[in-house]
Amino acid sequence: MRTTSSSRRFAVISSAVVASLVLAACGGDDDGDDDGDGAEGTAGGSLVFGASADPIILDGALFSDGESARPTYQIFEGLVGTEEGGTEIVPVLAESWEPSEDGLEWTFNLRQGVTFHDGTDFNAEAVCFNFERWYNFEGVMQSPAVTYYWNTVMGGFSDGAIPSLYAGCEATDESTAVISLTRPSSAFISALQMPSFRIASPTALEEGNADAVGGTEESPAFEGTFGYENPAGTGPFRFESWERGSNLTLVRYEDYWGEPAQLDEIIFTVIPDGPARRQALEAGDIDGYDLVDPADAEALEGAGFQIMLRPAFNVGYVGFQQNDPPFENINIRKAIAHAINKENLIQTNYPEGTEIATQFMPPELFGWADDVTVYDYDPEEAQRLIAESGVTDLTLEFWYPTDVSRPYMPNPQANWELITADLEAVGFTVTPMTAPWNPDYLDAQSTGGTPMFLLGWTGDFGDPDNFIGTFFQTVNPQFGNFENPEIFAKLDEAEAETDPDRRTELYQEANRLIADFVPGVPYVHNQPAVAFAEGISGYVPGPLNNESFAAVTVE
């Protein structure tokens, strides 16, 4: 993995092409006309998009960050996807699916006539090859720092050291794949839209030595070429080139099974600094960028740029390593929760419409509870809890990342500074700790090296299991030795429950338990802004950050 370098600007490759806007998601009908040089009706042109960080790797199984996901969503497709701009599950590579009566087998009827970017055929054997690959990961590849989403969704691997949700996959014929589970899971289908479960060419995986991962769990080393030089999926764009730390280029896949992409190419160029991304847009060096600083959004809109708000489907939080003093003391965790002036933080660093968080999932999801314990801003109560704790060493090692903007924290340092001032006002001494987002901060956080830290989460699919299930259904290294059998059992029960009303009740109960335990302090649900130049059409921001660029046009 590489840290990001200084930004390199690219002039927009202009295209004076006037075309009808095709309002389609990355999927579509099979009857699009194709003249062999690009489909009829495609607008062409190049789009340059400013990314806040370099991707880690273009192999969906091996990352958990948004900047790796954005290009991966264009290259790869899953059995299912989501509706444009929403979270509802829709068919993609699977035209339909059906569970068995006991919920342990899912039969997927696959789309036919689909090819991977390397020219090989997509079929049921390819589906099973991918699932079996993930299930049989060994050594370093089992680390949550490498295969985070397999660990959180499926659990264990084929070695049986930890029980796995996945039991097996059978290709009963060329267009039918049957996936078996060890227990019913109401979240299983929704999870399949994530990049971790998107289908890659078996041939490209083998030729690119995709499973060559060395190093350590704390610092894995990706040694194969698949994720850097030849990632091959079935999506509307295919990989062209990647100058790491600078730019990544994707081009339209001419043999795409559905509605072909409008653009000739997308260039993702790395500009870690938010103000520099704004300047690049204003100068015409890029056509758009995500994670617009709230202070910039109004000025850009006034200057004629397009500002689009993504639905608030995230949570920003302060997390605690509960095996590190003084965070093992619940009164200290509660004191910190009361010390943080969330209202001031949001009014100062976030745009209008941002919500104060009271729990680790947004109110839009079923299972959000309106009666959890709320830790209002109360410095006197914070000081009382500190005195009651008996802790005398009030030094806090508090981490924040650099070289990155995230939907839940557009400016991490600004958040850190306000929270630090609040903590020092009630008697804590804060030791500042910082590291570049990729890989240093992510590696330290995922392996327990950050006693107190700023982080957050943007939902990958529309289910509480992807929020509080991801965080608290089992021991999670970022929160230390988080052992709470009552919470674990409640979340296990909620995931397996098939009755929607009962499932909602179970997640509400879990949210109450989590709030009382205080493994961290959720403080914000933000509506991230996306900025585009005039003449860019067809981009529909969604809550899951999984937008397709296939319908985007450049005038």
Protein backbone atom coordinates (compact mmCIF):
# COMPACT_ATOMS: atom_id res chain seq x y z
CA MET A 1 0.00 0.00 0.00
CA ARG A 2 1.11 3.54 -0.71
CA THR A 3 0.43 6.84 1.00
CA THR A 4 -0.82 9.59 -1.22
CA SER A 5 1.57 12.11 -2.75
CA SER A 6 1.20 15.69 -3.92
CA SER A 7 -1.59 16.27 -6.36
CA ARG A 8 -0.97 16.31 -10.07
CA ARG A 9 -3.43 18.31 -12.11
CA PHE A 10 -4.87 17.20 -15.36
CA ALA A 11 -6.51 19.39 -17.96
CA VAL A 12 -9.97 18.27 -18.92
CA ILE A 13 -10.04 16.60 -22.30
CA SER A 14 -12.89 18.62 -23.74
CA SER A 15 -15.56 17.14 -25.89
CA ALA A 16 -18.03 19.39 -27.70
CA VAL A 17 -20.55 16.65 -28.06
CA VAL A 18 -24.24 17.25 -27.54
CA ALA A 19 -26.13 14.10 -26.65
CA SER A 20 -29.28 12.98 -24.94
CA LEU A 21 -28.88 12.15 -21.29
CA VAL A 22 -29.30 8.47 -20.63
CA LEU A 23 -30.78 8.12 -17.17
CA ALA A 24 -29.74 4.59 -16.44
CA ALA A 25 -27.85 2.84 -13.71
CA CYS A 26 -24.85 0.71 -14.59
CA GLY A 27 -27.19 -2.13 -15.50
CA GLY A 28 -29.63 -2.02 -18.39
CA ASP A 29 -31.18 -3.87 -21.27
CA ASP A 30 -29.33 -6.19 -23.56
CA ASP A 31 -30.72 -4.66 -26.74
CA GLY A 32 -28.57 -1.51 -26.95
CA ASP A 33 -27.25 -0.78 -30.43
CA ASP A 34 -23.50 -1.05 -30.87
CA ASP A 35 -21.66 -0.11 -34.02
CA GLY A 36 -18.41 -1.66 -32.84
CA ASP A 37 -16.72 1.69 -32.20
CA GLY A 38 -18.89 2.63 -29.23
CA ALA A 39 -22.59 2.34 -28.74
CA GLU A 40 -25.03 4.56 -30.61
CA GLY A 41 -26.02 7.55 -28.52
CA THR A 42 -22.93 7.65 -26.29
CA ALA A 43 -21.78 11.20 -25.60
CA GLY A 44 -18.07 10.51 -25.28
CA GLY A 45 -15.54 12.73 -23.64
CA SER A 46 -13.39 12.52 -20.55
CA LEU A 47 -14.32 13.24 -16.93
CA VAL A 48 -11.61 14.14 -14.41
CA PHE A 49 -12.69 13.48 -10.82
CA GLY A 50 -10.71 14.66 -7.79
CA ALA A 51 -10.14 11.94 -5.19
CA SER A 52 -9.12 12.70 -1.60
CA ALA A 53 -6.76 9.71 -1.44
CA ASP A 54 -5.25 7.03 -3.63
CA PRO A 55 -7.03 3.66 -3.73
CA ILE A 56 -5.38 0.97 -1.64
CA ILE A 57 -5.96 -1.72 -4.26
CA LEU A 58 -8.59 -2.50 -6.93
CA ASP A 59 -9.54 -5.87 -5.52
CA GLY A 60 -12.82 -5.47 -3.65
CA ALA A 61 -12.07 -8.27 -1.21
CA LEU A 62 -8.98 -6.53 0.11
CA PHE A 63 -10.04 -3.02 1.16
CA SER A 64 -12.65 -1.18 3.24
CA ASP A 65 -12.11 2.47 2.23
CA GLY A 66 -14.26 4.69 0.04
CA GLU A 67 -11.55 5.89 -2.33
CA SER A 68 -10.80 2.30 -3.34
CA ALA A 69 -14.51 1.58 -3.66
CA ARG A 70 -15.34 4.42 -6.08
CA PRO A 71 -13.36 3.09 -9.09
CA THR A 72 -14.04 -0.50 -8.11
CA TYR A 73 -17.79 0.11 -8.43
CA GLN A 74 -17.19 1.10 -12.05
CA ILE A 75 -15.08 -1.98 -12.90
CA PHE A 76 -16.90 -4.75 -11.06
CA GLU A 77 -20.51 -5.78 -10.57
CA GLY A 78 -22.18 -8.01 -8.02
CA LEU A 79 -25.04 -10.44 -8.19
CA VAL A 80 -27.17 -7.57 -6.90
CA GLY A 81 -26.89 -3.78 -6.71
CA THR A 82 -28.95 -0.89 -5.40
CA GLU A 83 -31.48 1.40 -7.02
CA GLU A 84 -30.11 4.67 -8.32
CA GLY A 85 -29.82 7.14 -5.44
CA GLY A 86 -31.16 4.69 -2.83
CA THR A 87 -30.61 1.49 -0.88
CA GLU A 88 -33.24 -0.86 -2.34
CA ILE A 89 -31.67 -4.03 -3.75
CA VAL A 90 -32.07 -4.60 -7.50
CA PRO A 91 -30.86 -7.32 -9.91
CA VAL A 92 -27.52 -6.95 -11.68
CA LEU A 93 -25.58 -10.11 -12.60
CA ALA A 94 -28.34 -12.18 -11.05
CA GLU A 95 -31.70 -11.62 -12.71
CA SER A 96 -33.54 -13.18 -9.77
CA TRP A 97 -32.92 -15.10 -6.55
CA GLU A 98 -34.89 -17.27 -4.18
CA PRO A 99 -34.18 -18.57 -0.66
CA SER A 100 -34.98 -22.05 0.51
CA GLU A 101 -37.71 -22.45 3.11
CA ASP A 102 -35.17 -22.70 5.94
CA GLY A 103 -33.15 -19.72 4.64
CA LEU A 104 -29.95 -21.76 4.29
CA GLU A 105 -29.77 -21.88 0.49
CA TRP A 106 -30.06 -19.04 -2.02
CA THR A 107 -30.54 -19.88 -5.68
CA PHE A 108 -29.38 -17.18 -8.11
CA ASN A 109 -30.54 -17.20 -11.74
CA LEU A 110 -27.74 -15.47 -13.61
CA ARG A 111 -27.74 -13.10 -16.53
CA GLN A 112 -26.48 -14.72 -19.72
CA GLY A 113 -24.32 -13.27 -22.49
CA VAL A 114 -22.07 -11.37 -20.07
CA THR A 115 -18.29 -11.23 -20.50
CA PHE A 116 -15.47 -10.09 -18.26
CA HIS A 117 -13.13 -7.36 -19.45
CA ASP A 118 -10.52 -9.97 -20.36
CA GLY A 119 -12.97 -11.58 -22.80
CA THR A 120 -13.79 -14.64 -20.67
CA ASP A 121 -17.39 -15.62 -19.90
CA PHE A 122 -19.30 -14.78 -16.77
CA ASN A 123 -21.20 -17.83 -15.50
CA ALA A 124 -22.11 -19.79 -12.37
CA GLU A 125 -18.64 -21.33 -12.13
CA ALA A 126 -17.15 -17.83 -12.02
CA VAL A 127 -19.51 -16.91 -9.18
CA CYS A 128 -18.52 -19.95 -7.15
CA PHE A 129 -14.83 -19.44 -7.94
CA ASN A 130 -15.00 -15.97 -6.33
CA PHE A 131 -16.88 -17.10 -3.22
CA GLU A 132 -14.57 -20.07 -2.73
CA ARG A 133 -11.55 -17.82 -3.19
CA TRP A 134 -12.71 -15.53 -0.41
CA TYR A 135 -13.67 -18.41 1.86
CA ASN A 136 -10.27 -20.07 1.47
CA PHE A 137 -8.11 -17.07 2.26
CA GLU A 138 -5.22 -18.01 4.55
CA GLY A 139 -2.70 -16.33 6.83
CA VAL A 140 -2.45 -12.55 6.51
CA MET A 141 -5.48 -12.49 4.21
CA GLN A 142 -7.71 -13.50 7.11
CA SER A 143 -6.80 -10.35 9.01
CA PRO A 144 -9.60 -7.78 9.41
CA ALA A 145 -7.03 -5.23 8.24
CA VAL A 146 -7.05 -6.99 4.84
CA THR A 147 -10.46 -8.66 4.41
CA TYR A 148 -12.55 -6.45 6.65
CA TYR A 149 -15.92 -7.03 5.02
CA TRP A 150 -15.62 -10.79 4.74
CA ASN A 151 -14.81 -10.83 8.45
CA THR A 152 -17.74 -8.60 9.38
CA VAL A 153 -20.35 -10.14 7.06
CA MET A 154 -19.31 -13.78 6.77
CA GLY A 155 -17.19 -14.27 9.88
CA GLY A 156 -14.65 -17.06 9.53
CA PHE A 157 -12.88 -18.93 6.77
CA SER A 158 -12.54 -22.52 5.62
CA ASP A 159 -10.04 -23.38 8.35
CA GLY A 160 -12.92 -23.31 10.84
CA ALA A 161 -11.03 -21.27 13.43
CA ILE A 162 -14.03 -18.93 13.56
CA PRO A 163 -17.53 -19.99 12.48
CA SER A 164 -18.50 -18.71 9.04
CA LEU A 165 -21.88 -17.67 7.68
CA TYR A 166 -20.79 -19.02 4.29
CA ALA A 167 -21.06 -22.79 3.78
CA GLY A 168 -20.47 -23.30 0.05
CA CYS A 169 -21.40 -22.57 -3.55
CA GLU A 170 -22.54 -24.92 -6.29
CA ALA A 171 -22.90 -24.20 -10.01
CA THR A 172 -25.86 -26.42 -10.82
CA ASP A 173 -25.73 -25.30 -14.44
CA GLU A 174 -24.09 -22.49 -16.43
CA SER A 175 -26.62 -19.87 -15.33
CA THR A 176 -27.57 -21.09 -11.84
CA ALA A 177 -25.50 -20.68 -8.68
CA VAL A 178 -26.65 -21.94 -5.28
CA ILE A 179 -24.99 -20.35 -2.25
CA SER A 180 -25.35 -22.17 1.06
CA LEU A 181 -25.25 -20.56 4.51
CA THR A 182 -24.67 -22.06 7.93
CA ARG A 183 -27.52 -20.05 9.44
CA PRO A 184 -30.27 -17.75 8.17
CA SER A 185 -29.22 -14.14 7.63
CA SER A 186 -31.60 -11.31 6.83
CA ALA A 187 -28.66 -9.08 5.86
CA PHE A 188 -27.02 -11.50 3.41
CA ILE A 189 -28.60 -10.28 0.17
CA SER A 190 -28.09 -6.60 0.99
CA ALA A 191 -24.42 -7.20 1.75
CA LEU A 192 -23.79 -8.69 -1.70
CA GLN A 193 -23.92 -5.27 -3.36
CA MET A 194 -20.68 -4.22 -1.65
CA PRO A 195 -17.38 -4.19 -3.58
CA SER A 196 -16.11 -7.07 -1.42
CA PHE A 197 -18.65 -9.40 -3.02
CA ARG A 198 -18.42 -8.26 -6.64
CA ILE A 199 -17.42 -10.84 -9.20
CA ALA A 200 -13.98 -10.82 -10.84
CA SER A 201 -12.67 -12.85 -13.75
CA PRO A 202 -11.22 -16.13 -12.41
CA THR A 203 -8.67 -16.09 -15.24
CA ALA A 204 -7.50 -12.57 -14.38
CA LEU A 205 -7.33 -13.42 -10.66
CA GLU A 206 -5.10 -16.41 -11.34
CA GLU A 207 -2.91 -14.71 -13.95
CA GLY A 208 -2.54 -11.65 -11.71
CA ASN A 209 -1.56 -13.77 -8.70
CA ALA A 210 -4.26 -11.98 -6.71
CA ASP A 211 -3.76 -14.02 -3.54
CA ALA A 212 -0.06 -13.19 -3.17
CA VAL A 213 -0.22 -11.19 0.04
CA GLY A 214 2.75 -11.06 2.36
CA GLY A 215 3.84 -8.84 5.20
CA THR A 216 2.05 -8.91 8.51
CA GLU A 217 -1.50 -8.42 9.74
CA GLU A 218 -0.51 -4.92 10.83
CA SER A 219 1.24 -4.12 7.53
CA PRO A 220 0.13 -6.41 4.67
CA ALA A 221 2.03 -6.35 1.37
CA PHE A 222 0.03 -6.93 -1.81
CA GLU A 223 2.50 -8.63 -4.15
CA GLY A 224 0.30 -9.73 -7.07
CA THR A 225 -0.58 -7.62 -10.11
CA PHE A 226 -4.34 -8.22 -10.30
CA GLY A 227 -5.37 -5.31 -8.07
CA TYR A 228 -2.90 -2.89 -9.64
CA GLU A 229 -2.48 -3.80 -13.30
CA ASN A 230 -5.23 -6.11 -14.56
CA PRO A 231 -8.45 -5.97 -12.48
CA ALA A 232 -11.14 -7.48 -14.70
CA GLY A 233 -14.84 -7.35 -13.88
CA THR A 234 -18.04 -7.02 -15.91
CA GLY A 235 -18.78 -3.33 -15.27
CA PRO A 236 -19.36 -0.49 -17.75
CA PHE A 237 -15.76 0.73 -17.40
CA ARG A 238 -12.55 -1.27 -17.62
CA PHE A 239 -9.11 -0.59 -16.20
CA GLU A 240 -6.67 1.32 -18.42
CA SER A 241 -3.75 2.56 -16.27
CA TRP A 242 -2.77 3.60 -12.77
CA GLU A 243 0.06 5.88 -11.77
CA ARG A 244 -0.16 5.34 -8.05
CA GLY A 245 -0.36 8.44 -5.94
CA SER A 246 -1.31 10.47 -9.01
CA ASN A 247 -4.05 9.22 -11.32
CA LEU A 248 -6.15 6.21 -12.25
CA THR A 249 -7.76 5.93 -15.69
CA LEU A 250 -10.78 3.80 -16.63
CA VAL A 251 -12.23 3.57 -20.15
CA ARG A 252 -15.61 2.51 -21.48
CA TYR A 253 -16.05 -1.25 -21.90
CA GLU A 254 -17.41 -1.57 -25.42
CA ASP A 255 -18.79 -5.10 -24.94
CA TYR A 256 -20.78 -4.26 -21.82
CA TRP A 257 -23.93 -6.35 -21.46
CA GLY A 258 -26.21 -3.43 -20.60
CA GLU A 259 -26.59 0.22 -21.49
CA PRO A 260 -23.05 1.32 -22.40
CA ALA A 261 -21.28 4.11 -20.57
CA GLN A 262 -21.62 7.61 -22.00
CA LEU A 263 -18.06 8.68 -21.21
CA ASP A 264 -14.99 7.54 -23.11
CA GLU A 265 -12.92 7.62 -19.94
CA ILE A 266 -12.80 8.62 -16.28
CA ILE A 267 -9.59 9.92 -14.70
CA PHE A 268 -9.45 9.81 -10.90
CA THR A 269 -6.71 12.21 -9.85
CA VAL A 270 -5.43 12.34 -6.27
CA ILE A 271 -5.69 15.69 -4.46
CA PRO A 272 -5.56 15.02 -0.68
CA ASP A 273 -6.07 18.66 0.37
CA GLY A 274 -9.66 19.94 0.33
CA PRO A 275 -8.84 23.54 -0.63
CA ALA A 276 -6.61 22.24 -3.43
CA ARG A 277 -9.53 20.20 -4.80
CA ARG A 278 -11.69 23.30 -4.81
CA GLN A 279 -9.00 25.29 -6.61
CA ALA A 280 -8.59 22.51 -9.17
CA LEU A 281 -12.33 22.62 -9.91
CA GLU A 282 -12.34 26.39 -10.20
CA ALA A 283 -9.33 26.26 -12.53
CA GLY A 284 -10.96 23.65 -14.76
CA ASP A 285 -8.31 21.03 -13.98
CA ILE A 286 -10.97 18.64 -12.66
CA ASP A 287 -14.68 18.30 -13.43
CA GLY A 288 -15.88 17.32 -9.97
CA TYR A 289 -15.02 16.05 -6.52
CA ASP A 290 -16.65 14.52 -3.47
CA LEU A 291 -16.40 15.50 0.20
CA VAL A 292 -16.70 19.23 -0.43
CA ASP A 293 -15.76 21.24 2.64
CA PRO A 294 -18.96 22.83 4.00
CA ALA A 295 -17.29 26.24 3.92
CA ASP A 296 -16.65 25.84 0.19
CA ALA A 297 -20.06 24.58 -0.91
CA GLU A 298 -21.91 27.90 -0.76
CA ALA A 299 -19.11 29.81 -2.51
CA LEU A 300 -18.86 27.22 -5.30
CA GLU A 301 -22.61 27.23 -5.85
CA GLY A 302 -22.60 31.02 -6.01
CA ALA A 303 -19.89 30.84 -8.68
CA GLY A 304 -22.05 28.62 -10.89
CA PHE A 305 -20.84 25.18 -9.93
CA GLN A 306 -23.28 22.37 -9.19
CA ILE A 307 -23.56 21.28 -5.54
CA MET A 308 -25.37 18.02 -4.81
CA LEU A 309 -26.05 16.74 -1.30
CA ARG A 310 -25.70 13.06 -0.56
CA PRO A 311 -28.30 11.63 1.87
CA ALA A 312 -26.98 11.44 5.46
CA PHE A 313 -26.18 7.76 5.73
CA ASN A 314 -23.12 7.87 7.93
CA VAL A 315 -21.94 8.38 11.48
CA GLY A 316 -18.88 10.14 12.87
CA TYR A 317 -17.63 9.08 16.28
CA VAL A 318 -14.89 9.20 18.88
CA GLY A 319 -13.76 5.64 19.62
CA PHE A 320 -12.05 4.12 22.66
CA GLN A 321 -9.57 1.27 23.06
CA GLN A 322 -11.18 -0.19 26.16
CA ASN A 323 -8.14 -2.22 27.15
CA ASP A 324 -6.02 0.97 27.42
CA PRO A 325 -6.23 3.10 30.58
CA PRO A 326 -8.15 5.18 31.38
CA PHE A 327 -10.74 4.02 28.84
CA GLU A 328 -11.41 0.72 30.60
CA ASN A 329 -13.25 2.82 33.20
CA ILE A 330 -16.82 3.43 32.04
CA ASN A 331 -17.10 6.64 34.07
CA ILE A 332 -14.22 8.10 32.06
CA ARG A 333 -15.96 7.13 28.82
CA LYS A 334 -19.18 8.76 30.06
CA ALA A 335 -17.27 11.85 31.18
CA ILE A 336 -15.79 12.26 27.71
CA ALA A 337 -19.26 11.88 26.20
CA HIS A 338 -20.61 14.67 28.42
CA ALA A 339 -17.57 16.89 27.81
CA ILE A 340 -17.99 17.12 24.03
CA ASN A 341 -20.08 20.06 22.85
CA LYS A 342 -21.61 18.35 19.82
CA GLU A 343 -23.87 21.26 18.92
CA ASN A 344 -20.94 23.69 18.75
CA LEU A 345 -18.89 21.15 16.78
CA ILE A 346 -21.61 20.73 14.17
CA GLN A 347 -22.45 24.44 13.91
CA THR A 348 -18.76 25.24 13.44
CA ASN A 349 -17.53 22.49 11.12
CA TYR A 350 -20.57 21.15 9.24
CA PRO A 351 -23.17 22.50 6.80
CA GLU A 352 -26.77 23.35 7.59
CA GLY A 353 -28.93 20.23 7.87
CA THR A 354 -26.30 18.12 9.66
CA GLU A 355 -27.74 16.05 12.50
CA ILE A 356 -26.37 15.37 15.99
CA ALA A 357 -25.89 11.62 16.44
CA THR A 358 -27.11 9.80 19.54
CA GLN A 359 -26.27 6.27 18.34
CA PHE A 360 -24.02 4.44 15.90
CA MET A 361 -26.54 4.34 13.03
CA PRO A 362 -28.58 7.02 11.24
CA PRO A 363 -32.26 7.65 12.08
CA GLU A 364 -33.27 6.62 8.54
CA LEU A 365 -32.60 2.96 9.33
CA PHE A 366 -35.13 0.70 11.00
CA GLY A 367 -34.03 -0.21 14.52
CA TRP A 368 -33.00 3.33 15.48
CA ALA A 369 -34.31 3.95 18.99
CA ASP A 370 -35.64 7.30 20.21
CA ASP A 371 -35.12 6.43 23.88
CA VAL A 372 -31.40 5.59 24.18
CA THR A 373 -29.32 7.17 26.92
CA VAL A 374 -28.20 10.57 25.62
CA TYR A 375 -25.02 12.23 26.91
CA ASP A 376 -25.83 15.91 26.62
CA TYR A 377 -23.11 18.53 26.85
CA ASP A 378 -22.60 18.93 30.59
CA PRO A 379 -19.08 19.89 31.79
CA GLU A 380 -20.07 19.72 35.44
CA GLU A 381 -21.39 16.17 35.05
CA ALA A 382 -18.18 15.25 33.21
CA GLN A 383 -16.10 16.53 36.15
CA ARG A 384 -18.31 14.66 38.64
CA LEU A 385 -17.85 11.41 36.71
CA ILE A 386 -14.08 11.94 36.57
CA ALA A 387 -13.98 12.35 40.35
CA GLU A 388 -16.21 9.28 40.82
CA SER A 389 -13.98 7.19 38.55
CA GLY A 390 -11.00 7.38 40.90
CA VAL A 391 -8.68 7.84 37.95
CA THR A 392 -5.83 10.25 38.68
CA ASP A 393 -3.87 10.10 35.41
CA LEU A 394 -6.14 11.99 33.04
CA THR A 395 -3.80 11.91 30.04
CA LEU A 396 -5.56 10.93 26.81
CA GLU A 397 -3.69 9.88 23.66
CA PHE A 398 -6.08 11.22 21.02
CA TRP A 399 -5.56 10.40 17.30
CA TYR A 400 -6.81 12.01 14.09
CA PRO A 401 -5.89 11.35 10.43
CA THR A 402 -4.20 13.66 7.94
CA ASP A 403 -4.29 13.79 4.12
CA VAL A 404 -7.96 12.87 3.93
CA SER A 405 -11.54 14.13 4.04
CA ARG A 406 -14.34 11.75 4.93
CA PRO A 407 -18.12 12.26 4.65
CA TYR A 408 -18.48 12.22 8.44
CA MET A 409 -15.42 14.48 9.02
CA PRO A 410 -14.60 16.80 6.09
CA ASN A 411 -11.79 18.35 8.16
CA PRO A 412 -10.50 15.85 10.77
CA GLN A 413 -8.04 18.27 12.38
CA ALA A 414 -10.74 20.92 12.89
CA ASN A 415 -12.93 18.35 14.68
CA TRP A 416 -9.99 17.18 16.78
CA GLU A 417 -9.16 20.73 17.86
CA LEU A 418 -12.69 21.53 19.08
CA ILE A 419 -13.07 18.20 20.89
CA THR A 420 -9.63 18.59 22.48
CA ALA A 421 -10.56 22.04 23.80
CA ASP A 422 -13.73 20.57 25.35
CA LEU A 423 -11.76 17.75 27.02
CA GLU A 424 -9.09 20.04 28.41
CA ALA A 425 -11.78 22.32 29.84
CA VAL A 426 -12.96 19.55 32.20
CA GLY A 427 -9.49 18.48 33.33
CA PHE A 428 -8.10 16.04 30.77
CA THR A 429 -4.63 16.41 29.30
CA VAL A 430 -4.63 15.54 25.60
CA THR A 431 -1.59 14.12 23.82
CA PRO A 432 -1.96 14.82 20.08
CA MET A 433 -1.34 11.88 17.76
CA THR A 434 -1.73 11.90 14.00
CA ALA A 435 -0.80 9.87 10.93
CA PRO A 436 -1.54 9.82 7.19
CA TRP A 437 -4.87 8.15 6.48
CA ASN A 438 -3.53 5.44 4.16
CA PRO A 439 -1.98 3.18 5.28
CA ASP A 440 -0.68 4.42 8.63
CA TYR A 441 -3.84 5.63 10.35
CA LEU A 442 -6.10 2.86 9.01
CA ASP A 443 -3.58 0.17 9.94
CA ALA A 444 -3.06 1.55 13.45
CA GLN A 445 -6.78 1.95 14.06
CA SER A 446 -7.78 -1.49 12.76
CA THR A 447 -5.19 -3.27 14.88
CA GLY A 448 -5.77 -1.46 18.16
CA GLY A 449 -2.94 1.07 18.05
CA THR A 450 -5.06 4.19 18.65
CA PRO A 451 -6.25 4.48 22.29
CA MET A 452 -8.72 7.28 21.46
CA PHE A 453 -9.45 8.23 17.90
CA LEU A 454 -11.65 10.00 15.36
CA LEU A 455 -13.35 7.77 12.83
CA GLY A 456 -16.70 7.12 11.25
CA TRP A 457 -18.66 4.95 8.88
CA THR A 458 -20.66 5.37 5.71
CA GLY A 459 -23.19 2.60 5.21
CA ASP A 460 -22.45 -0.02 2.57
CA PHE A 461 -26.00 -1.36 2.47
CA GLY A 462 -29.33 -0.40 3.96
CA ASP A 463 -29.41 -2.57 7.05
CA PRO A 464 -28.56 -2.01 10.75
CA ASP A 465 -26.30 -5.05 10.53
CA ASN A 466 -23.95 -2.90 8.44
CA PHE A 467 -23.68 -0.31 11.20
CA ILE A 468 -24.00 -1.68 14.73
CA GLY A 469 -23.55 -5.26 13.51
CA THR A 470 -20.26 -4.27 11.90
CA PHE A 471 -19.05 -2.52 15.04
CA PHE A 472 -20.39 -4.55 17.92
CA GLN A 473 -21.52 -8.05 16.94
CA THR A 474 -18.16 -9.52 17.89
CA VAL A 475 -14.80 -8.40 19.25
CA ASN A 476 -13.66 -5.46 17.11
CA PRO A 477 -9.95 -4.54 17.34
CA GLN A 478 -10.59 -0.81 16.93
CA PHE A 479 -12.54 -0.80 20.21
CA GLY A 480 -10.04 -2.98 22.06
CA ASN A 481 -11.16 -5.99 24.06
CA PHE A 482 -14.81 -5.17 23.52
CA GLU A 483 -16.41 -8.10 25.33
CA ASN A 484 -20.14 -7.73 25.91
CA PRO A 485 -21.95 -11.06 25.45
CA GLU A 486 -25.37 -9.42 25.89
CA ILE A 487 -24.80 -7.07 22.95
CA PHE A 488 -23.23 -9.84 20.84
CA ALA A 489 -26.19 -12.15 21.43
CA LYS A 490 -28.76 -9.43 20.72
CA LEU A 491 -27.15 -8.60 17.38
CA ASP A 492 -26.86 -12.29 16.44
CA GLU A 493 -30.56 -12.71 17.13
CA ALA A 494 -31.45 -9.59 15.13
CA GLU A 495 -29.46 -10.69 12.07
CA ALA A 496 -31.15 -14.11 11.98
CA GLU A 497 -34.69 -12.79 12.60
CA THR A 498 -36.91 -12.82 9.50
CA ASP A 499 -39.93 -10.96 10.93
CA PRO A 500 -39.40 -7.23 10.13
CA ASP A 501 -41.24 -5.91 13.20
CA ARG A 502 -39.40 -8.18 15.60
CA ARG A 503 -36.10 -7.41 13.90
CA THR A 504 -36.73 -3.69 14.41
CA GLU A 505 -37.39 -4.26 18.11
CA LEU A 506 -34.18 -6.27 18.50
CA TYR A 507 -32.04 -3.57 16.92
CA GLN A 508 -33.69 -0.94 19.12
CA GLU A 509 -32.81 -3.04 22.17
CA ALA A 510 -29.24 -3.38 20.92
CA ASN A 511 -28.93 0.38 20.45
CA ARG A 512 -30.02 0.95 24.04
CA LEU A 513 -27.41 -1.53 25.32
CA ILE A 514 -24.65 0.04 23.21
CA ALA A 515 -25.48 3.56 24.37
CA ASP A 516 -25.30 2.46 28.02
CA PHE A 517 -21.96 0.69 27.47
CA VAL A 518 -20.33 3.74 25.76
CA PRO A 519 -17.76 2.03 23.52
CA GLY A 520 -17.42 5.41 21.81
CA VAL A 521 -19.20 8.71 21.31
CA PRO A 522 -21.23 9.08 18.11
CA TYR A 523 -21.63 12.78 17.36
CA VAL A 524 -22.67 13.45 13.74
CA HIS A 525 -24.70 12.34 10.72
CA ASN A 526 -23.59 14.52 7.82
CA GLN A 527 -24.92 15.20 4.33
CA PRO A 528 -21.71 15.21 2.26
CA ALA A 529 -21.61 17.52 -0.72
CA VAL A 530 -20.43 16.65 -4.24
CA ALA A 531 -19.37 19.45 -6.60
CA PHE A 532 -19.38 19.43 -10.42
CA ALA A 533 -18.65 21.94 -13.12
CA GLU A 534 -21.41 23.19 -15.40
CA GLY A 535 -22.17 20.84 -18.27
CA ILE A 536 -21.77 17.65 -16.25
CA SER A 537 -25.02 15.68 -16.19
CA GLY A 538 -26.29 12.27 -15.12
CA TYR A 539 -24.57 11.88 -11.74
CA VAL A 540 -26.99 10.86 -8.98
CA PRO A 541 -25.45 10.89 -5.48
CA GLY A 542 -26.69 8.10 -3.25
CA PRO A 543 -26.46 7.25 0.44
CA LEU A 544 -24.03 4.36 -0.08
CA ASN A 545 -21.36 6.19 -2.14
CA ASN A 546 -21.74 3.51 -4.82
CA GLU A 547 -22.70 5.72 -7.75
CA SER A 548 -22.14 4.55 -11.28
CA PHE A 549 -20.54 7.02 -13.69
CA ALA A 550 -22.07 5.18 -16.66
CA ALA A 551 -24.85 7.74 -17.23
CA VAL A 552 -22.63 10.80 -16.77
CA THR A 553 -22.14 13.09 -19.77
CA VAL A 554 -19.82 16.03 -20.43
CA GLU A 555 -20.93 18.90 -22.66
